[in-house]
Amino acid sequence: MTAQAQELNALVKTISLEVNASEGEHH
């Protein structure tokens, strides 16, 4: 896995957590 792919993967995980958190606030 390239460093760029690892950075993208980490970014996606971070965004997913933020989306889950914001959706949790709405409910």
N, C-alpha and C. Protein backbone atom coordinates (compact mmCIF):
# COMPACT_ATOMS: atom_id res chain seq x y z
N MET A 1 0.85 -1.20 0.00
CA MET A 1 0.00 0.00 0.00
C MET A 1 0.88 1.25 0.00
N THR A 2 0.55 2.18 -0.86
CA THR A 2 1.36 3.39 -0.92
C THR A 2 1.01 4.33 0.23
N ALA A 3 1.92 5.25 0.50
CA ALA A 3 1.67 6.22 1.57
C ALA A 3 0.43 7.04 1.25
N GLN A 4 0.26 7.36 -0.04
CA GLN A 4 -0.91 8.16 -0.44
C GLN A 4 -2.19 7.40 -0.17
N ALA A 5 -2.19 6.10 -0.45
CA ALA A 5 -3.38 5.28 -0.20
C ALA A 5 -3.68 5.22 1.29
N GLN A 6 -2.64 5.13 2.11
CA GLN A 6 -2.84 5.10 3.56
C GLN A 6 -3.43 6.41 4.05
N GLU A 7 -2.96 7.53 3.49
CA GLU A 7 -3.49 8.84 3.89
C GLU A 7 -4.96 8.95 3.50
N LEU A 8 -5.29 8.49 2.30
CA LEU A 8 -6.68 8.52 1.85
C LEU A 8 -7.55 7.66 2.74
N ASN A 9 -7.05 6.48 3.08
CA ASN A 9 -7.81 5.56 3.94
C ASN A 9 -8.07 6.20 5.30
N ALA A 10 -7.08 6.85 5.86
CA ALA A 10 -7.24 7.52 7.16
C ALA A 10 -8.24 8.66 7.04
N LEU A 11 -8.18 9.39 5.92
CA LEU A 11 -9.10 10.51 5.72
C LEU A 11 -10.54 10.00 5.64
N VAL A 12 -10.74 8.92 4.91
CA VAL A 12 -12.08 8.33 4.77
C VAL A 12 -12.60 7.89 6.13
N LYS A 13 -11.74 7.27 6.94
CA LYS A 13 -12.16 6.83 8.28
C LYS A 13 -12.57 8.03 9.12
N THR A 14 -11.77 9.10 9.05
CA THR A 14 -12.07 10.31 9.84
C THR A 14 -13.41 10.90 9.42
N ILE A 15 -13.62 11.00 8.11
CA ILE A 15 -14.88 11.57 7.61
C ILE A 15 -16.05 10.68 8.01
N SER A 16 -15.87 9.38 7.92
CA SER A 16 -16.95 8.46 8.31
C SER A 16 -17.33 8.66 9.77
N LEU A 17 -16.31 8.82 10.63
CA LEU A 17 -16.58 9.03 12.06
C LEU A 17 -17.33 10.34 12.27
N GLU A 18 -16.94 11.37 11.53
CA GLU A 18 -17.60 12.68 11.68
C GLU A 18 -19.04 12.60 11.20
N VAL A 19 -19.27 11.88 10.10
CA VAL A 19 -20.63 11.73 9.57
C VAL A 19 -21.48 10.96 10.56
N ASN A 20 -20.93 9.88 11.12
CA ASN A 20 -21.68 9.10 12.11
C ASN A 20 -22.01 9.95 13.33
N ALA A 21 -21.07 10.78 13.76
CA ALA A 21 -21.28 11.63 14.93
C ALA A 21 -22.36 12.67 14.64
N SER A 22 -22.30 13.30 13.48
CA SER A 22 -23.29 14.33 13.16
C SER A 22 -24.67 13.72 12.99
N GLU A 23 -24.75 12.52 12.42
CA GLU A 23 -26.04 11.85 12.27
C GLU A 23 -26.59 11.47 13.64
N GLY A 24 -25.70 11.08 14.54
CA GLY A 24 -26.12 10.73 15.89
C GLY A 24 -26.72 11.93 16.60
N GLU A 25 -26.16 13.11 16.32
CA GLU A 25 -26.68 14.34 16.95
C GLU A 25 -28.09 14.65 16.44
N HIS A 26 -28.35 14.35 15.17
CA HIS A 26 -29.67 14.64 14.60
C HIS A 26 -30.73 13.74 15.20
N HIS A 27 -30.36 12.51 15.49
CA HIS A 27 -31.33 11.57 16.10
C HIS A 27 -31.34 11.84 17.58
